[in-house]
Amino acid sequence: MDAERRPTLVYFTADWCVTCRGIERGVFPDESVRQALSGFQLLKADVTDFGGQDAELMKQLRVTGPPTMLFFDPEAREPAGTRLVGNVTVDSLTRSAARLEGY
């Protein structure tokens, strides 16, 4: 399966984001999350040193700040109800990922 035909997760994070650290320690390592994301292209948007390019990307994608997770199907469409903002849990992440099963 090539990258163009895979769903994508874009994760907005920053070093100063305390909630992001908790997600990275407690959610991403979980085996059910790893399985749910195994077919995804994973992209990390680090906005630690917030600048003009970060602001433009966040504006285009309607992201207010980290942590935010955007899910896109292989045609770069964001399915309704998949965006996660704030305190992401194993359950919320696996539910959003499951909405893109079959791609």
N, C-alpha and C. Protein backbone atom coordinates (compact mmCIF):
# COMPACT_ATOMS: atom_id res chain seq x y z
N MET A 1 0.86 -1.18 0.00
CA MET A 1 0.00 0.00 0.00
C MET A 1 0.90 1.24 0.00
N ASP A 2 0.77 2.11 -1.00
CA ASP A 2 1.65 3.28 -1.04
C ASP A 2 1.04 4.43 -0.24
N ALA A 3 1.88 5.42 0.10
CA ALA A 3 1.47 6.52 0.98
C ALA A 3 0.27 7.29 0.44
N GLU A 4 0.16 7.40 -0.88
CA GLU A 4 -0.94 8.19 -1.44
C GLU A 4 -2.29 7.51 -1.22
N ARG A 5 -2.30 6.22 -1.01
CA ARG A 5 -3.56 5.50 -0.85
C ARG A 5 -3.83 5.13 0.60
N ARG A 6 -3.15 5.77 1.51
CA ARG A 6 -3.34 5.48 2.93
C ARG A 6 -4.00 6.68 3.61
N PRO A 7 -4.79 6.41 4.64
CA PRO A 7 -5.29 7.54 5.44
C PRO A 7 -4.11 8.17 6.19
N THR A 8 -4.31 9.40 6.63
CA THR A 8 -3.24 10.16 7.27
C THR A 8 -3.73 10.73 8.60
N LEU A 9 -2.85 10.71 9.58
CA LEU A 9 -3.07 11.40 10.85
C LEU A 9 -2.06 12.52 10.93
N VAL A 10 -2.53 13.75 11.12
CA VAL A 10 -1.66 14.90 11.34
C VAL A 10 -1.84 15.31 12.81
N TYR A 11 -0.74 15.26 13.54
CA TYR A 11 -0.75 15.54 14.97
C TYR A 11 -0.02 16.85 15.24
N PHE A 12 -0.76 17.87 15.71
CA PHE A 12 -0.17 19.15 16.09
C PHE A 12 0.25 19.09 17.55
N THR A 13 1.52 19.36 17.80
CA THR A 13 2.09 19.26 19.13
C THR A 13 3.12 20.37 19.33
N ALA A 14 3.59 20.52 20.56
CA ALA A 14 4.65 21.49 20.89
C ALA A 14 5.34 21.02 22.17
N ASP A 15 6.61 21.34 22.29
CA ASP A 15 7.37 20.95 23.49
C ASP A 15 6.76 21.52 24.76
N TRP A 16 6.16 22.70 24.69
CA TRP A 16 5.61 23.35 25.87
C TRP A 16 4.20 22.88 26.21
N CYS A 17 3.65 21.97 25.41
CA CYS A 17 2.28 21.47 25.60
C CYS A 17 2.27 20.31 26.58
N VAL A 18 1.82 20.55 27.80
CA VAL A 18 1.80 19.54 28.85
C VAL A 18 0.85 18.39 28.47
N THR A 19 -0.30 18.70 27.92
CA THR A 19 -1.25 17.67 27.51
C THR A 19 -0.64 16.78 26.43
N CYS A 20 0.13 17.38 25.52
CA CYS A 20 0.79 16.61 24.46
C CYS A 20 1.75 15.58 25.05
N ARG A 21 2.49 15.98 26.08
CA ARG A 21 3.43 15.04 26.72
C ARG A 21 2.68 13.84 27.28
N GLY A 22 1.52 14.09 27.88
CA GLY A 22 0.72 12.99 28.42
C GLY A 22 0.23 12.05 27.32
N ILE A 23 -0.17 12.61 26.19
CA ILE A 23 -0.61 11.80 25.05
C ILE A 23 0.55 10.95 24.54
N GLU A 24 1.70 11.55 24.43
CA GLU A 24 2.87 10.84 23.90
C GLU A 24 3.35 9.74 24.84
N ARG A 25 3.16 9.92 26.14
CA ARG A 25 3.57 8.90 27.11
C ARG A 25 2.51 7.83 27.34
N GLY A 26 1.23 8.23 27.31
CA GLY A 26 0.19 7.30 27.71
C GLY A 26 -0.75 6.81 26.63
N VAL A 27 -0.83 7.50 25.50
CA VAL A 27 -1.78 7.12 24.46
C VAL A 27 -1.08 6.47 23.27
N PHE A 28 -0.12 7.14 22.67
CA PHE A 28 0.56 6.59 21.49
C PHE A 28 1.21 5.23 21.73
N PRO A 29 1.80 4.96 22.90
CA PRO A 29 2.43 3.65 23.10
C PRO A 29 1.44 2.50 23.29
N ASP A 30 0.17 2.79 23.55
CA ASP A 30 -0.83 1.76 23.79
C ASP A 30 -0.95 0.84 22.57
N GLU A 31 -0.99 -0.46 22.82
CA GLU A 31 -1.02 -1.44 21.72
C GLU A 31 -2.25 -1.28 20.83
N SER A 32 -3.40 -0.96 21.41
CA SER A 32 -4.60 -0.80 20.57
C SER A 32 -4.49 0.43 19.67
N VAL A 33 -3.82 1.47 20.15
CA VAL A 33 -3.58 2.67 19.33
C VAL A 33 -2.58 2.33 18.23
N ARG A 34 -1.52 1.64 18.57
CA ARG A 34 -0.51 1.26 17.57
C ARG A 34 -1.15 0.43 16.47
N GLN A 35 -2.03 -0.49 16.83
CA GLN A 35 -2.73 -1.31 15.83
C GLN A 35 -3.66 -0.45 14.99
N ALA A 36 -4.42 0.43 15.64
CA ALA A 36 -5.39 1.27 14.93
C ALA A 36 -4.71 2.18 13.92
N LEU A 37 -3.48 2.61 14.22
CA LEU A 37 -2.77 3.54 13.33
C LEU A 37 -1.79 2.84 12.39
N SER A 38 -1.73 1.53 12.42
CA SER A 38 -0.72 0.80 11.65
C SER A 38 -0.81 1.04 10.14
N GLY A 39 -1.99 1.31 9.63
CA GLY A 39 -2.13 1.56 8.19
C GLY A 39 -2.09 3.02 7.80
N PHE A 40 -1.85 3.89 8.76
CA PHE A 40 -1.87 5.33 8.53
C PHE A 40 -0.49 5.88 8.18
N GLN A 41 -0.50 6.92 7.41
CA GLN A 41 0.68 7.77 7.27
C GLN A 41 0.61 8.74 8.45
N LEU A 42 1.65 8.83 9.25
CA LEU A 42 1.65 9.65 10.46
C LEU A 42 2.53 10.88 10.26
N LEU A 43 1.94 12.05 10.45
CA LEU A 43 2.67 13.31 10.29
C LEU A 43 2.57 14.11 11.58
N LYS A 44 3.71 14.63 12.03
CA LYS A 44 3.77 15.42 13.25
C LYS A 44 4.05 16.87 12.87
N ALA A 45 3.17 17.76 13.28
CA ALA A 45 3.36 19.20 13.05
C ALA A 45 3.79 19.81 14.38
N ASP A 46 5.08 20.04 14.54
CA ASP A 46 5.64 20.58 15.77
C ASP A 46 5.61 22.10 15.69
N VAL A 47 4.78 22.71 16.54
CA VAL A 47 4.64 24.17 16.53
C VAL A 47 5.30 24.80 17.76
N THR A 48 6.35 24.15 18.27
CA THR A 48 7.08 24.66 19.43
C THR A 48 7.59 26.08 19.18
N ASP A 49 8.25 26.28 18.06
CA ASP A 49 8.79 27.59 17.69
C ASP A 49 7.82 28.25 16.72
N PHE A 50 6.66 28.59 17.23
CA PHE A 50 5.56 29.10 16.41
C PHE A 50 6.00 30.28 15.55
N GLY A 51 5.76 30.15 14.25
CA GLY A 51 6.12 31.21 13.30
C GLY A 51 5.08 31.34 12.21
N GLY A 52 5.43 32.09 11.19
CA GLY A 52 4.50 32.38 10.10
C GLY A 52 3.99 31.16 9.37
N GLN A 53 4.87 30.18 9.08
CA GLN A 53 4.43 28.98 8.38
C GLN A 53 3.49 28.16 9.25
N ASP A 54 3.79 28.09 10.55
CA ASP A 54 2.91 27.37 11.47
C ASP A 54 1.53 28.03 11.51
N ALA A 55 1.53 29.35 11.62
CA ALA A 55 0.27 30.09 11.67
C ALA A 55 -0.55 29.87 10.41
N GLU A 56 0.10 29.88 9.26
CA GLU A 56 -0.62 29.68 8.00
C GLU A 56 -1.20 28.28 7.90
N LEU A 57 -0.42 27.27 8.26
CA LEU A 57 -0.90 25.89 8.23
C LEU A 57 -2.08 25.71 9.18
N MET A 58 -1.94 26.23 10.39
CA MET A 58 -3.01 26.10 11.37
C MET A 58 -4.27 26.83 10.90
N LYS A 59 -4.12 27.98 10.27
CA LYS A 59 -5.26 28.70 9.74
C LYS A 59 -5.95 27.90 8.63
N GLN A 60 -5.16 27.37 7.70
CA GLN A 60 -5.72 26.60 6.60
C GLN A 60 -6.49 25.38 7.10
N LEU A 61 -5.97 24.73 8.15
CA LEU A 61 -6.60 23.51 8.66
C LEU A 61 -7.56 23.77 9.82
N ARG A 62 -7.76 25.04 10.17
CA ARG A 62 -8.66 25.43 11.25
C ARG A 62 -8.27 24.77 12.58
N VAL A 63 -6.98 24.88 12.91
CA VAL A 63 -6.44 24.35 14.16
C VAL A 63 -6.16 25.53 15.09
N THR A 64 -6.69 25.47 16.31
CA THR A 64 -6.49 26.56 17.25
C THR A 64 -5.22 26.40 18.07
N GLY A 65 -4.75 25.17 18.23
CA GLY A 65 -3.51 24.94 18.98
C GLY A 65 -3.35 23.47 19.28
N PRO A 66 -2.19 23.14 19.85
CA PRO A 66 -1.94 21.75 20.21
C PRO A 66 -2.56 21.42 21.57
N PRO A 67 -2.87 20.17 21.81
CA PRO A 67 -2.83 19.05 20.87
C PRO A 67 -4.08 19.02 20.00
N THR A 68 -3.88 18.81 18.74
CA THR A 68 -4.97 18.61 17.78
C THR A 68 -4.55 17.48 16.85
N MET A 69 -5.49 16.57 16.59
CA MET A 69 -5.24 15.47 15.66
C MET A 69 -6.28 15.54 14.55
N LEU A 70 -5.78 15.56 13.32
CA LEU A 70 -6.64 15.58 12.14
C LEU A 70 -6.47 14.28 11.38
N PHE A 71 -7.57 13.70 11.00
CA PHE A 71 -7.57 12.46 10.23
C PHE A 71 -8.05 12.77 8.82
N PHE A 72 -7.33 12.25 7.83
CA PHE A 72 -7.69 12.45 6.43
C PHE A 72 -7.77 11.11 5.72
N ASP A 73 -8.76 10.97 4.85
CA ASP A 73 -8.83 9.76 4.03
C ASP A 73 -7.82 9.88 2.90
N PRO A 74 -7.64 8.84 2.08
CA PRO A 74 -6.63 8.89 1.03
C PRO A 74 -6.84 10.00 -0.01
N GLU A 75 -8.04 10.56 -0.06
CA GLU A 75 -8.31 11.66 -0.99
C GLU A 75 -8.17 13.02 -0.29
N ALA A 76 -7.54 13.03 0.89
CA ALA A 76 -7.27 14.24 1.67
C ALA A 76 -8.53 14.93 2.16
N ARG A 77 -9.58 14.14 2.42
CA ARG A 77 -10.81 14.66 3.02
C ARG A 77 -10.82 14.30 4.50
N GLU A 78 -11.25 15.24 5.32
CA GLU A 78 -11.35 15.00 6.76
C GLU A 78 -12.76 14.52 7.09
N PRO A 79 -12.93 13.24 7.44
CA PRO A 79 -14.26 12.74 7.76
C PRO A 79 -14.85 13.46 8.98
N ALA A 80 -16.10 13.78 8.90
CA ALA A 80 -16.79 14.45 10.01
C ALA A 80 -16.68 13.62 11.28
N GLY A 81 -16.44 14.29 12.39
CA GLY A 81 -16.42 13.63 13.68
C GLY A 81 -15.13 12.92 14.04
N THR A 82 -14.08 13.10 13.25
CA THR A 82 -12.82 12.41 13.56
C THR A 82 -11.79 13.32 14.24
N ARG A 83 -11.92 14.62 14.12
CA ARG A 83 -10.93 15.55 14.69
C ARG A 83 -10.92 15.44 16.21
N LEU A 84 -9.70 15.42 16.78
CA LEU A 84 -9.54 15.36 18.22
C LEU A 84 -8.76 16.58 18.69
N VAL A 85 -9.28 17.26 19.71
CA VAL A 85 -8.65 18.46 20.25
C VAL A 85 -8.60 18.33 21.76
N GLY A 86 -7.44 18.65 22.31
CA GLY A 86 -7.31 18.62 23.77
C GLY A 86 -6.89 17.26 24.28
N ASN A 87 -7.47 16.86 25.40
CA ASN A 87 -7.08 15.64 26.08
C ASN A 87 -7.57 14.40 25.32
N VAL A 88 -6.70 13.84 24.50
CA VAL A 88 -7.02 12.67 23.69
C VAL A 88 -6.80 11.41 24.54
N THR A 89 -7.73 10.46 24.43
CA THR A 89 -7.62 9.20 25.15
C THR A 89 -7.39 8.06 24.16
N VAL A 90 -7.04 6.91 24.69
CA VAL A 90 -6.90 5.72 23.85
C VAL A 90 -8.21 5.47 23.12
N ASP A 91 -9.32 5.54 23.82
CA ASP A 91 -10.62 5.27 23.21
C ASP A 91 -10.98 6.28 22.13
N SER A 92 -10.77 7.56 22.39
CA SER A 92 -11.14 8.57 21.38
C SER A 92 -10.27 8.44 20.14
N LEU A 93 -8.99 8.14 20.33
CA LEU A 93 -8.08 8.01 19.19
C LEU A 93 -8.42 6.77 18.37
N THR A 94 -8.66 5.65 19.02
CA THR A 94 -8.99 4.44 18.26
C THR A 94 -10.34 4.57 17.57
N ARG A 95 -11.30 5.27 18.18
CA ARG A 95 -12.60 5.50 17.53
C ARG A 95 -12.44 6.33 16.26
N SER A 96 -11.66 7.40 16.33
CA SER A 96 -11.45 8.25 15.15
C SER A 96 -10.74 7.47 14.06
N ALA A 97 -9.72 6.71 14.42
CA ALA A 97 -8.99 5.92 13.43
C ALA A 97 -9.89 4.88 12.78
N ALA A 98 -10.77 4.28 13.56
CA ALA A 98 -11.66 3.24 13.04
C ALA A 98 -12.62 3.79 11.98
N ARG A 99 -12.91 5.07 12.03
CA ARG A 99 -13.80 5.68 11.02
C ARG A 99 -13.18 5.65 9.63
N LEU A 100 -11.87 5.42 9.56
CA LEU A 100 -11.18 5.37 8.27
C LEU A 100 -10.79 3.95 7.88
N GLU A 101 -11.31 2.95 8.55
CA GLU A 101 -10.99 1.55 8.20
C GLU A 101 -11.45 1.28 6.78
N GLY A 102 -10.71 0.44 6.12
CA GLY A 102 -11.08 0.06 4.76
C GLY A 102 -10.30 0.82 3.69
N TYR A 103 -9.49 1.79 4.11
CA TYR A 103 -8.69 2.53 3.12
C TYR A 103 -7.33 1.91 3.00
